[in-house]
Amino acid sequence: MKFREIYHLTVSFVVGMVAGAGIFLDTTVNNDVKKDEKKPVNTGKIIRPNIKLQYDTVSVTDEIIDNFPIMSAGIFKPYSGHVHISYFTTDSRRPLTRRFCNQTNDQIRLVRRHEMEHARKANLTKNTVHFSPTVRAAIAAQNEIMAPASEIIEALDYHYETGHPYPTNKSFILYADREITDLAMRQNLSWPLDFNNPQIADIVMKYAAFRFFSEINRGLYKKTLSRALQTNTRVAPYITNNTCDELAPFMFFPEIGMWAPLWQFKSLRGDVNIWHAASFAQKQQLLNSVDSIINTVAGKNRYFFINMKIR
């Protein structure tokens, strides 16, 4: 055996002896100290990522307006934890383009509320792989209905703050504001309004559904429902973000009609649950309409899905 090999073996043996001695000394001399040390506790608590609100400026041209008549002013990106709100500017002199930018920018408060509501309910709407296809699609539909409901609440709170209806061209907001304001005047209701009032809750749900089905007729959300009908086990589990109610999933059973956590909101008057407050007839009408649109989107394939009751 060469000298270099003997040298390395000797060094390894000596180091091993020293290390062993160190362990022996540590376990004997410091044994009493270690008995008194507290082991770190593994709480198993998952750190909830924060939702980041970002504003982007988008320059709009006449060509963009002509080729993309539908542009979103906001979007919630669940897996990156961002809510993006777009502010539109233009150098165009064309009235149509300038009007689009001005009217869209006026809606920023409602758009922000809409997208933040999606973020708050993400722990209910993203982890749905264990539900049947029709229930998943119903969750996707109601997710797009409850968000306009939050816009109505935001608009009526604005009405209380300013004394004027929210400046919007969204017909569902205008109709809801007019009907709710008329009701408040007839019944001499106090402001800010209590959205737990069953009649007000019915109006909110009615016009939120009106908005959703109007958008469906324009071709929106059909792909969303179609994707929900398909089983995709490769989707990563969604980690609850810091705006979500961690207890909400334990009370959310849409397959047996327990939709309330999805319809929990905040208003100037306080917490409100539109699902609990609305009448049975209004909720039944909503459920029937959602069933109908899901069957339409599913088409002939609806017979291959596991149809479970969603009420």
C-alpha atoms as a PDB file:
ATOM      1  CA  MET A   1       0.000   0.000   0.000  1.00  0.00           C
ATOM      2  CA  LYS A   2       1.348   3.428  -0.935  1.00  0.00           C
ATOM      3  CA  PHE A   3       2.353   5.934   1.700  1.00  0.00           C
ATOM      4  CA  ARG A   4      -0.354   8.412   0.584  1.00  0.00           C
ATOM      5  CA  GLU A   5      -3.055   5.771   1.046  1.00  0.00           C
ATOM      6  CA  ILE A   6      -1.706   4.835   4.509  1.00  0.00           C
ATOM      7  CA  TYR A   7      -1.619   8.533   5.418  1.00  0.00           C
ATOM      8  CA  HIS A   8      -5.261   9.069   4.444  1.00  0.00           C
ATOM      9  CA  LEU A   9      -6.399   6.012   6.342  1.00  0.00           C
ATOM     10  CA  THR A  10      -4.541   7.152   9.444  1.00  0.00           C
ATOM     11  CA  VAL A  11      -6.031  10.655   9.292  1.00  0.00           C
ATOM     12  CA  SER A  12      -9.520   9.237   8.806  1.00  0.00           C
ATOM     13  CA  PHE A  13      -9.070   6.941  11.818  1.00  0.00           C
ATOM     14  CA  VAL A  14      -7.855   9.774  14.023  1.00  0.00           C
ATOM     15  CA  VAL A  15     -10.646  12.118  12.939  1.00  0.00           C
ATOM     16  CA  GLY A  16     -13.150   9.365  13.622  1.00  0.00           C
ATOM     17  CA  MET A  17     -11.779   8.886  17.128  1.00  0.00           C
ATOM     18  CA  VAL A  18     -11.906  12.639  17.837  1.00  0.00           C
ATOM     19  CA  ALA A  19     -15.461  12.908  16.545  1.00  0.00           C
ATOM     20  CA  GLY A  20     -16.504   9.932  18.634  1.00  0.00           C
ATOM     21  CA  ALA A  21     -14.876  11.452  21.677  1.00  0.00           C
ATOM     22  CA  GLY A  22     -16.671  14.712  21.009  1.00  0.00           C
ATOM     23  CA  ILE A  23     -20.005  12.924  20.877  1.00  0.00           C
ATOM     24  CA  PHE A  24     -19.150  11.043  24.086  1.00  0.00           C
ATOM     25  CA  LEU A  25     -18.195  14.259  25.851  1.00  0.00           C
ATOM     26  CA  ASP A  26     -21.304  16.001  24.605  1.00  0.00           C
ATOM     27  CA  THR A  27     -23.585  13.254  25.835  1.00  0.00           C
ATOM     28  CA  THR A  28     -21.936  13.024  29.249  1.00  0.00           C
ATOM     29  CA  VAL A  29     -20.806  16.524  30.206  1.00  0.00           C
ATOM     30  CA  ASN A  30     -23.816  18.331  28.671  1.00  0.00           C
ATOM     31  CA  ASN A  31     -26.416  15.651  29.354  1.00  0.00           C
ATOM     32  CA  ASP A  32     -27.961  17.547  32.283  1.00  0.00           C
ATOM     33  CA  VAL A  33     -28.093  20.765  30.284  1.00  0.00           C
ATOM     34  CA  LYS A  34     -29.852  19.107  27.342  1.00  0.00           C
ATOM     35  CA  LYS A  35     -32.497  17.672  29.627  1.00  0.00           C
ATOM     36  CA  ASP A  36     -33.541  21.212  30.486  1.00  0.00           C
ATOM     37  CA  GLU A  37     -33.551  22.470  26.870  1.00  0.00           C
ATOM     38  CA  LYS A  38     -36.942  22.811  25.156  1.00  0.00           C
ATOM     39  CA  LYS A  39     -37.304  21.219  21.772  1.00  0.00           C
ATOM     40  CA  PRO A  40     -38.716  23.473  19.034  1.00  0.00           C
ATOM     41  CA  VAL A  41     -42.394  22.844  18.517  1.00  0.00           C
ATOM     42  CA  ASN A  42     -43.551  22.061  14.983  1.00  0.00           C
ATOM     43  CA  THR A  43     -46.919  23.771  14.894  1.00  0.00           C
ATOM     44  CA  GLY A  44     -47.646  22.663  11.350  1.00  0.00           C
ATOM     45  CA  LYS A  45     -49.053  26.138  10.654  1.00  0.00           C
ATOM     46  CA  ILE A  46     -49.054  27.026   6.974  1.00  0.00           C
ATOM     47  CA  ILE A  47     -47.974  30.555   6.181  1.00  0.00           C
ATOM     48  CA  ARG A  48     -50.745  32.154   4.154  1.00  0.00           C
ATOM     49  CA  PRO A  49     -49.409  34.207   1.213  1.00  0.00           C
ATOM     50  CA  ASN A  50     -50.455  37.841   1.072  1.00  0.00           C
ATOM     51  CA  ILE A  51     -52.603  39.097  -1.777  1.00  0.00           C
ATOM     52  CA  LYS A  52     -50.780  41.883  -3.605  1.00  0.00           C
ATOM     53  CA  LEU A  53     -52.829  44.582  -5.296  1.00  0.00           C
ATOM     54  CA  GLN A  54     -51.140  45.956  -8.404  1.00  0.00           C
ATOM     55  CA  TYR A  55     -52.193  48.784 -10.715  1.00  0.00           C
ATOM     56  CA  ASP A  56     -51.064  48.766 -14.330  1.00  0.00           C
ATOM     57  CA  THR A  57     -51.375  51.516 -16.925  1.00  0.00           C
ATOM     58  CA  VAL A  58     -52.484  50.293 -20.341  1.00  0.00           C
ATOM     59  CA  SER A  59     -52.232  52.476 -23.429  1.00  0.00           C
ATOM     60  CA  VAL A  60     -55.254  51.945 -25.668  1.00  0.00           C
ATOM     61  CA  THR A  61     -55.319  52.629 -29.401  1.00  0.00           C
ATOM     62  CA  ASP A  62     -58.175  52.758 -31.875  1.00  0.00           C
ATOM     63  CA  GLU A  63     -56.970  49.452 -33.319  1.00  0.00           C
ATOM     64  CA  ILE A  64     -57.180  47.753 -29.916  1.00  0.00           C
ATOM     65  CA  ILE A  65     -60.747  48.961 -29.425  1.00  0.00           C
ATOM     66  CA  ASP A  66     -61.731  47.749 -32.888  1.00  0.00           C
ATOM     67  CA  ASN A  67     -60.147  44.317 -32.513  1.00  0.00           C
ATOM     68  CA  PHE A  68     -60.697  43.636 -28.819  1.00  0.00           C
ATOM     69  CA  PRO A  69     -64.115  45.009 -27.883  1.00  0.00           C
ATOM     70  CA  ILE A  70     -64.047  43.085 -24.570  1.00  0.00           C
ATOM     71  CA  MET A  71     -61.111  43.949 -22.312  1.00  0.00           C
ATOM     72  CA  SER A  72     -60.874  43.144 -18.636  1.00  0.00           C
ATOM     73  CA  ALA A  73     -59.992  45.959 -16.262  1.00  0.00           C
ATOM     74  CA  GLY A  74     -59.079  43.548 -13.484  1.00  0.00           C
ATOM     75  CA  ILE A  75     -57.989  39.983 -12.885  1.00  0.00           C
ATOM     76  CA  PHE A  76     -57.215  37.813  -9.876  1.00  0.00           C
ATOM     77  CA  LYS A  77     -54.273  35.450 -10.332  1.00  0.00           C
ATOM     78  CA  PRO A  78     -54.696  32.899  -7.536  1.00  0.00           C
ATOM     79  CA  TYR A  79     -51.405  31.016  -7.776  1.00  0.00           C
ATOM     80  CA  SER A  80     -49.232  34.118  -7.981  1.00  0.00           C
ATOM     81  CA  GLY A  81     -51.308  35.903  -5.328  1.00  0.00           C
ATOM     82  CA  HIS A  82     -51.875  39.058  -7.350  1.00  0.00           C
ATOM     83  CA  VAL A  83     -54.891  41.200  -8.124  1.00  0.00           C
ATOM     84  CA  HIS A  84     -54.162  43.310 -11.206  1.00  0.00           C
ATOM     85  CA  ILE A  85     -56.199  46.444 -11.870  1.00  0.00           C
ATOM     86  CA  SER A  86     -55.734  48.206 -15.213  1.00  0.00           C
ATOM     87  CA  TYR A  87     -55.946  51.953 -15.723  1.00  0.00           C
ATOM     88  CA  PHE A  88     -56.523  52.829 -19.374  1.00  0.00           C
ATOM     89  CA  THR A  89     -54.969  55.818 -21.136  1.00  0.00           C
ATOM     90  CA  THR A  90     -55.059  56.867 -24.778  1.00  0.00           C
ATOM     91  CA  ASP A  91     -53.589  59.408 -27.166  1.00  0.00           C
ATOM     92  CA  SER A  92     -56.484  58.894 -29.545  1.00  0.00           C
ATOM     93  CA  ARG A  93     -58.827  61.735 -30.413  1.00  0.00           C
ATOM     94  CA  ARG A  94     -61.624  59.381 -31.404  1.00  0.00           C
ATOM     95  CA  PRO A  95     -64.595  59.835 -29.026  1.00  0.00           C
ATOM     96  CA  LEU A  96     -65.286  56.077 -28.874  1.00  0.00           C
ATOM     97  CA  THR A  97     -61.777  55.256 -27.657  1.00  0.00           C
ATOM     98  CA  ARG A  98     -61.652  58.117 -25.172  1.00  0.00           C
ATOM     99  CA  ARG A  99     -65.101  57.255 -23.830  1.00  0.00           C
ATOM    100  CA  PHE A 100     -64.053  53.643 -23.325  1.00  0.00           C
ATOM    101  CA  CYS A 101     -61.045  54.694 -21.242  1.00  0.00           C
ATOM    102  CA  ASN A 102     -62.987  57.188 -19.143  1.00  0.00           C
ATOM    103  CA  GLN A 103     -65.923  54.897 -18.458  1.00  0.00           C
ATOM    104  CA  THR A 104     -63.692  51.944 -17.631  1.00  0.00           C
ATOM    105  CA  ASN A 105     -61.516  53.978 -15.273  1.00  0.00           C
ATOM    106  CA  ASP A 106     -64.643  55.167 -13.454  1.00  0.00           C
ATOM    107  CA  GLN A 107     -65.341  51.537 -12.522  1.00  0.00           C
ATOM    108  CA  ILE A 108     -62.026  50.887 -10.747  1.00  0.00           C
ATOM    109  CA  ARG A 109     -63.592  50.840  -7.283  1.00  0.00           C
ATOM    110  CA  LEU A 110     -66.133  48.218  -8.374  1.00  0.00           C
ATOM    111  CA  VAL A 111     -63.545  46.208 -10.315  1.00  0.00           C
ATOM    112  CA  ARG A 112     -61.228  46.142  -7.305  1.00  0.00           C
ATOM    113  CA  ARG A 113     -64.067  44.942  -5.061  1.00  0.00           C
ATOM    114  CA  HIS A 114     -65.028  42.281  -7.638  1.00  0.00           C
ATOM    115  CA  GLU A 115     -61.514  40.830  -7.916  1.00  0.00           C
ATOM    116  CA  MET A 116     -60.742  41.048  -4.210  1.00  0.00           C
ATOM    117  CA  GLU A 117     -63.935  39.101  -3.542  1.00  0.00           C
ATOM    118  CA  HIS A 118     -62.631  36.347  -5.823  1.00  0.00           C
ATOM    119  CA  ALA A 119     -59.439  36.368  -3.749  1.00  0.00           C
ATOM    120  CA  ARG A 120     -61.361  36.184  -0.456  1.00  0.00           C
ATOM    121  CA  LYS A 121     -63.309  33.126  -1.661  1.00  0.00           C
ATOM    122  CA  ALA A 122     -60.404  31.367  -3.416  1.00  0.00           C
ATOM    123  CA  ASN A 123     -60.152  28.654  -0.745  1.00  0.00           C
ATOM    124  CA  LEU A 124     -63.726  27.694  -1.677  1.00  0.00           C
ATOM    125  CA  THR A 125     -63.519  27.950  -5.450  1.00  0.00           C
ATOM    126  CA  LYS A 126     -60.071  26.569  -6.305  1.00  0.00           C
ATOM    127  CA  ASN A 127     -59.831  23.278  -4.370  1.00  0.00           C
ATOM    128  CA  THR A 128     -62.806  21.595  -6.013  1.00  0.00           C
ATOM    129  CA  VAL A 129     -61.343  18.424  -7.523  1.00  0.00           C
ATOM    130  CA  HIS A 130     -63.172  16.252  -4.961  1.00  0.00           C
ATOM    131  CA  PHE A 131     -66.582  17.502  -6.123  1.00  0.00           C
ATOM    132  CA  SER A 132     -68.567  15.948  -8.958  1.00  0.00           C
ATOM    133  CA  PRO A 133     -68.320  17.680 -12.374  1.00  0.00           C
ATOM    134  CA  THR A 134     -71.707  19.366 -12.146  1.00  0.00           C
ATOM    135  CA  VAL A 135     -70.992  20.676  -8.646  1.00  0.00           C
ATOM    136  CA  ARG A 136     -67.604  22.007  -9.784  1.00  0.00           C
ATOM    137  CA  ALA A 137     -69.324  23.823 -12.625  1.00  0.00           C
ATOM    138  CA  ALA A 138     -71.967  25.187 -10.250  1.00  0.00           C
ATOM    139  CA  ILE A 139     -69.208  26.513  -7.958  1.00  0.00           C
ATOM    140  CA  ALA A 140     -67.546  28.189 -10.951  1.00  0.00           C
ATOM    141  CA  ALA A 141     -70.875  29.764 -11.918  1.00  0.00           C
ATOM    142  CA  GLN A 142     -71.706  31.000  -8.428  1.00  0.00           C
ATOM    143  CA  ASN A 143     -68.192  32.377  -8.090  1.00  0.00           C
ATOM    144  CA  GLU A 144     -68.965  34.610 -11.059  1.00  0.00           C
ATOM    145  CA  ILE A 145     -72.352  35.565  -9.593  1.00  0.00           C
ATOM    146  CA  MET A 146     -71.312  36.442  -6.056  1.00  0.00           C
ATOM    147  CA  ALA A 147     -68.597  38.835  -7.347  1.00  0.00           C
ATOM    148  CA  PRO A 148     -71.140  41.132  -9.091  1.00  0.00           C
ATOM    149  CA  ALA A 149     -73.195  40.902  -5.881  1.00  0.00           C
ATOM    150  CA  SER A 150     -70.255  42.465  -4.056  1.00  0.00           C
ATOM    151  CA  GLU A 151     -70.194  45.248  -6.656  1.00  0.00           C
ATOM    152  CA  ILE A 152     -73.826  46.048  -5.886  1.00  0.00           C
ATOM    153  CA  ILE A 153     -73.016  46.268  -2.170  1.00  0.00           C
ATOM    154  CA  GLU A 154     -70.018  48.500  -2.943  1.00  0.00           C
ATOM    155  CA  ALA A 155     -72.123  50.760  -5.180  1.00  0.00           C
ATOM    156  CA  LEU A 156     -74.851  51.192  -2.548  1.00  0.00           C
ATOM    157  CA  ASP A 157     -72.246  51.961   0.102  1.00  0.00           C
ATOM    158  CA  TYR A 158     -70.864  54.597  -2.272  1.00  0.00           C
ATOM    159  CA  HIS A 159     -74.400  55.970  -2.646  1.00  0.00           C
ATOM    160  CA  TYR A 160     -74.563  56.390   1.134  1.00  0.00           C
ATOM    161  CA  GLU A 161     -71.114  58.024   1.310  1.00  0.00           C
ATOM    162  CA  THR A 162     -71.720  60.548  -1.460  1.00  0.00           C
ATOM    163  CA  GLY A 163     -75.488  60.890  -1.652  1.00  0.00           C
ATOM    164  CA  HIS A 164     -75.367  59.968  -5.347  1.00  0.00           C
ATOM    165  CA  PRO A 165     -75.652  56.682  -7.263  1.00  0.00           C
ATOM    166  CA  TYR A 166     -72.373  55.191  -8.405  1.00  0.00           C
ATOM    167  CA  PRO A 167     -71.353  56.693 -11.796  1.00  0.00           C
ATOM    168  CA  THR A 168     -71.498  53.584 -13.957  1.00  0.00           C
ATOM    169  CA  ASN A 169     -72.797  52.311 -17.250  1.00  0.00           C
ATOM    170  CA  LYS A 170     -73.321  48.813 -15.845  1.00  0.00           C
ATOM    171  CA  SER A 171     -77.034  48.190 -16.162  1.00  0.00           C
ATOM    172  CA  PHE A 172     -77.179  45.645 -13.315  1.00  0.00           C
ATOM    173  CA  ILE A 173     -75.739  48.238 -10.915  1.00  0.00           C
ATOM    174  CA  LEU A 174     -78.136  50.921 -12.108  1.00  0.00           C
ATOM    175  CA  TYR A 175     -81.188  48.650 -11.826  1.00  0.00           C
ATOM    176  CA  ALA A 176     -80.187  47.317  -8.411  1.00  0.00           C
ATOM    177  CA  ASP A 177     -79.460  50.802  -7.039  1.00  0.00           C
ATOM    178  CA  ARG A 178     -82.806  52.140  -8.277  1.00  0.00           C
ATOM    179  CA  GLU A 179     -84.819  49.225  -6.911  1.00  0.00           C
ATOM    180  CA  ILE A 180     -83.041  49.096  -3.554  1.00  0.00           C
ATOM    181  CA  THR A 181     -83.225  52.883  -3.105  1.00  0.00           C
ATOM    182  CA  ASP A 182     -86.952  52.867  -3.873  1.00  0.00           C
ATOM    183  CA  LEU A 183     -87.448  50.083  -1.319  1.00  0.00           C
ATOM    184  CA  ALA A 184     -85.443  52.003   1.288  1.00  0.00           C
ATOM    185  CA  MET A 185     -87.545  55.122   0.745  1.00  0.00           C
ATOM    186  CA  ARG A 186     -90.876  53.272   0.910  1.00  0.00           C
ATOM    187  CA  GLN A 187     -89.944  51.455   4.104  1.00  0.00           C
ATOM    188  CA  ASN A 188     -87.981  54.362   5.595  1.00  0.00           C
ATOM    189  CA  LEU A 189     -84.883  52.183   6.022  1.00  0.00           C
ATOM    190  CA  SER A 190     -81.820  53.643   7.685  1.00  0.00           C
ATOM    191  CA  TRP A 191     -78.516  54.106   5.859  1.00  0.00           C
ATOM    192  CA  PRO A 192     -75.975  52.613   5.458  1.00  0.00           C
ATOM    193  CA  LEU A 193     -78.273  49.849   4.325  1.00  0.00           C
ATOM    194  CA  ASP A 194     -78.581  46.505   6.032  1.00  0.00           C
ATOM    195  CA  PHE A 195     -78.102  43.951   3.241  1.00  0.00           C
ATOM    196  CA  ASN A 196     -79.329  41.238   5.574  1.00  0.00           C
ATOM    197  CA  ASN A 197     -82.793  42.629   4.910  1.00  0.00           C
ATOM    198  CA  PRO A 198     -84.450  39.753   2.951  1.00  0.00           C
ATOM    199  CA  GLN A 199     -85.955  42.055   0.325  1.00  0.00           C
ATOM    200  CA  ILE A 200     -82.642  43.805  -0.285  1.00  0.00           C
ATOM    201  CA  ALA A 201     -80.832  40.449  -0.380  1.00  0.00           C
ATOM    202  CA  ASP A 202     -83.270  39.207  -3.032  1.00  0.00           C
ATOM    203  CA  ILE A 203     -82.595  42.260  -5.189  1.00  0.00           C
ATOM    204  CA  VAL A 204     -78.824  41.841  -4.843  1.00  0.00           C
ATOM    205  CA  MET A 205     -78.993  38.156  -5.811  1.00  0.00           C
ATOM    206  CA  LYS A 206     -81.412  38.823  -8.679  1.00  0.00           C
ATOM    207  CA  TYR A 207     -79.277  41.458 -10.371  1.00  0.00           C
ATOM    208  CA  ALA A 208     -75.989  39.642  -9.704  1.00  0.00           C
ATOM    209  CA  ALA A 209     -77.472  36.640 -11.540  1.00  0.00           C
ATOM    210  CA  PHE A 210     -78.772  38.982 -14.247  1.00  0.00           C
ATOM    211  CA  ARG A 211     -75.214  40.194 -14.803  1.00  0.00           C
ATOM    212  CA  PHE A 212     -73.813  36.678 -15.010  1.00  0.00           C
ATOM    213  CA  PHE A 213     -76.358  35.409 -17.498  1.00  0.00           C
ATOM    214  CA  SER A 214     -75.989  38.558 -19.607  1.00  0.00           C
ATOM    215  CA  GLU A 215     -72.264  37.858 -19.799  1.00  0.00           C
ATOM    216  CA  ILE A 216     -72.961  34.211 -20.675  1.00  0.00           C
ATOM    217  CA  ASN A 217     -75.083  35.429 -23.587  1.00  0.00           C
ATOM    218  CA  ARG A 218     -72.091  37.478 -24.771  1.00  0.00           C
ATOM    219  CA  GLY A 219     -69.993  34.325 -24.830  1.00  0.00           C
ATOM    220  CA  LEU A 220     -68.107  34.870 -21.565  1.00  0.00           C
ATOM    221  CA  TYR A 221     -67.630  32.239 -18.828  1.00  0.00           C
ATOM    222  CA  LYS A 222     -68.638  29.294 -21.027  1.00  0.00           C
ATOM    223  CA  LYS A 223     -65.022  28.093 -21.173  1.00  0.00           C
ATOM    224  CA  THR A 224     -64.807  28.548 -17.410  1.00  0.00           C
ATOM    225  CA  LEU A 225     -67.782  26.236 -16.898  1.00  0.00           C
ATOM    226  CA  SER A 226     -66.530  23.777 -19.506  1.00  0.00           C
ATOM    227  CA  ARG A 227     -63.139  23.505 -17.777  1.00  0.00           C
ATOM    228  CA  ALA A 228     -64.854  22.977 -14.429  1.00  0.00           C
ATOM    229  CA  LEU A 229     -66.762  20.021 -15.883  1.00  0.00           C
ATOM    230  CA  GLN A 230     -63.502  18.300 -16.787  1.00  0.00           C
ATOM    231  CA  THR A 231     -61.602  16.433 -14.066  1.00  0.00           C
ATOM    232  CA  ASN A 232     -58.042  17.731 -13.766  1.00  0.00           C
ATOM    233  CA  THR A 233     -56.177  16.044 -10.935  1.00  0.00           C
ATOM    234  CA  ARG A 234     -52.934  17.763 -11.954  1.00  0.00           C
ATOM    235  CA  VAL A 235     -54.046  21.102 -10.585  1.00  0.00           C
ATOM    236  CA  ALA A 236     -51.934  22.000  -7.561  1.00  0.00           C
ATOM    237  CA  PRO A 237     -53.807  22.410  -4.257  1.00  0.00           C
ATOM    238  CA  TYR A 238     -54.534  26.039  -3.514  1.00  0.00           C
ATOM    239  CA  ILE A 239     -52.966  27.466  -0.361  1.00  0.00           C
ATOM    240  CA  THR A 240     -55.380  29.740   1.452  1.00  0.00           C
ATOM    241  CA  ASN A 241     -54.308  33.379   1.122  1.00  0.00           C
ATOM    242  CA  ASN A 242     -54.358  35.970   3.895  1.00  0.00           C
ATOM    243  CA  THR A 243     -57.760  37.394   2.879  1.00  0.00           C
ATOM    244  CA  CYS A 244     -59.633  34.087   3.068  1.00  0.00           C
ATOM    245  CA  ASP A 245     -61.732  32.901   5.975  1.00  0.00           C
ATOM    246  CA  GLU A 246     -59.927  29.742   7.069  1.00  0.00           C
ATOM    247  CA  LEU A 247     -63.093  28.286   8.614  1.00  0.00           C
ATOM    248  CA  ALA A 248     -65.262  28.828   5.531  1.00  0.00           C
ATOM    249  CA  PRO A 249     -64.471  25.458   3.855  1.00  0.00           C
ATOM    250  CA  PHE A 250     -65.794  23.632   6.919  1.00  0.00           C
ATOM    251  CA  MET A 251     -69.240  25.175   6.318  1.00  0.00           C
ATOM    252  CA  PHE A 252     -69.250  24.952   2.522  1.00  0.00           C
ATOM    253  CA  PHE A 253     -71.168  21.955   1.171  1.00  0.00           C
ATOM    254  CA  PRO A 254     -72.663  23.018  -2.176  1.00  0.00           C
ATOM    255  CA  GLU A 255     -73.684  19.454  -3.053  1.00  0.00           C
ATOM    256  CA  ILE A 256     -76.322  19.648  -0.323  1.00  0.00           C
ATOM    257  CA  GLY A 257     -77.189  23.319  -0.775  1.00  0.00           C
ATOM    258  CA  MET A 258     -74.860  24.906   1.797  1.00  0.00           C
ATOM    259  CA  TRP A 259     -73.582  27.846  -0.268  1.00  0.00           C
ATOM    260  CA  ALA A 260     -73.530  30.465   2.479  1.00  0.00           C
ATOM    261  CA  PRO A 261     -69.724  30.952   2.844  1.00  0.00           C
ATOM    262  CA  LEU A 262     -69.515  31.997  -0.796  1.00  0.00           C
ATOM    263  CA  TRP A 263     -72.092  34.740  -0.165  1.00  0.00           C
ATOM    264  CA  GLN A 264     -70.494  36.257   2.931  1.00  0.00           C
ATOM    265  CA  PHE A 265     -69.607  39.936   2.449  1.00  0.00           C
ATOM    266  CA  LYS A 266     -68.629  43.086   4.281  1.00  0.00           C
ATOM    267  CA  SER A 267     -70.511  46.368   4.027  1.00  0.00           C
ATOM    268  CA  LEU A 268     -70.486  49.725   5.781  1.00  0.00           C
ATOM    269  CA  ARG A 269     -73.312  48.451   7.980  1.00  0.00           C
ATOM    270  CA  GLY A 270     -71.332  45.332   8.941  1.00  0.00           C
ATOM    271  CA  ASP A 271     -71.130  41.685   7.935  1.00  0.00           C
ATOM    272  CA  VAL A 272     -73.787  40.378   5.591  1.00  0.00           C
ATOM    273  CA  ASN A 273     -74.692  36.967   4.224  1.00  0.00           C
ATOM    274  CA  ILE A 274     -76.867  37.233   1.142  1.00  0.00           C
ATOM    275  CA  TRP A 275     -77.479  33.480   1.010  1.00  0.00           C
ATOM    276  CA  HIS A 276     -78.889  33.323   4.521  1.00  0.00           C
ATOM    277  CA  ALA A 277     -80.919  36.504   4.041  1.00  0.00           C
ATOM    278  CA  ALA A 278     -82.425  35.819   0.602  1.00  0.00           C
ATOM    279  CA  SER A 279     -85.776  34.103   0.209  1.00  0.00           C
ATOM    280  CA  PHE A 280     -86.090  30.427  -0.644  1.00  0.00           C
ATOM    281  CA  ALA A 281     -87.810  31.338  -3.929  1.00  0.00           C
ATOM    282  CA  GLN A 282     -84.943  33.614  -5.027  1.00  0.00           C
ATOM    283  CA  LYS A 283     -82.297  31.027  -4.181  1.00  0.00           C
ATOM    284  CA  GLN A 284     -84.264  28.300  -5.951  1.00  0.00           C
ATOM    285  CA  GLN A 285     -84.540  30.440  -9.057  1.00  0.00           C
ATOM    286  CA  LEU A 286     -80.785  30.983  -9.018  1.00  0.00           C
ATOM    287  CA  LEU A 287     -80.054  27.271  -8.608  1.00  0.00           C
ATOM    288  CA  ASN A 288     -82.442  26.311 -11.404  1.00  0.00           C
ATOM    289  CA  SER A 289     -80.886  28.856 -13.760  1.00  0.00           C
ATOM    290  CA  VAL A 290     -77.373  27.633 -12.948  1.00  0.00           C
ATOM    291  CA  ASP A 291     -78.450  24.018 -13.548  1.00  0.00           C
ATOM    292  CA  SER A 292     -79.884  25.004 -16.903  1.00  0.00           C
ATOM    293  CA  ILE A 293     -76.775  26.804 -18.129  1.00  0.00           C
ATOM    294  CA  ILE A 294     -74.519  23.952 -16.998  1.00  0.00           C
ATOM    295  CA  ASN A 295     -76.606  21.459 -18.981  1.00  0.00           C
ATOM    296  CA  THR A 296     -76.404  23.745 -21.991  1.00  0.00           C
ATOM    297  CA  VAL A 297     -72.611  24.072 -21.742  1.00  0.00           C
ATOM    298  CA  ALA A 298     -72.191  20.329 -21.180  1.00  0.00           C
ATOM    299  CA  GLY A 299     -74.359  19.538 -24.207  1.00  0.00           C
ATOM    300  CA  LYS A 300     -74.598  15.890 -25.168  1.00  0.00           C
ATOM    301  CA  ASN A 301     -71.766  15.053 -22.758  1.00  0.00           C
ATOM    302  CA  ARG A 302     -73.954  15.866 -19.757  1.00  0.00           C
ATOM    303  CA  TYR A 303     -75.066  12.226 -19.626  1.00  0.00           C
ATOM    304  CA  PHE A 304     -71.492  11.161 -18.868  1.00  0.00           C
ATOM    305  CA  PHE A 305     -71.142  13.402 -15.852  1.00  0.00           C
ATOM    306  CA  ILE A 306     -72.046  12.361 -12.326  1.00  0.00           C
ATOM    307  CA  ASN A 307     -75.067  14.515 -11.702  1.00  0.00           C
ATOM    308  CA  MET A 308     -75.457  15.309  -8.041  1.00  0.00           C
ATOM    309  CA  LYS A 309     -78.033  17.595  -6.509  1.00  0.00           C
ATOM    310  CA  ILE A 310     -76.667  21.068  -5.889  1.00  0.00           C
ATOM    311  CA  ARG A 311     -79.346  22.394  -3.569  1.00  0.00           C
END
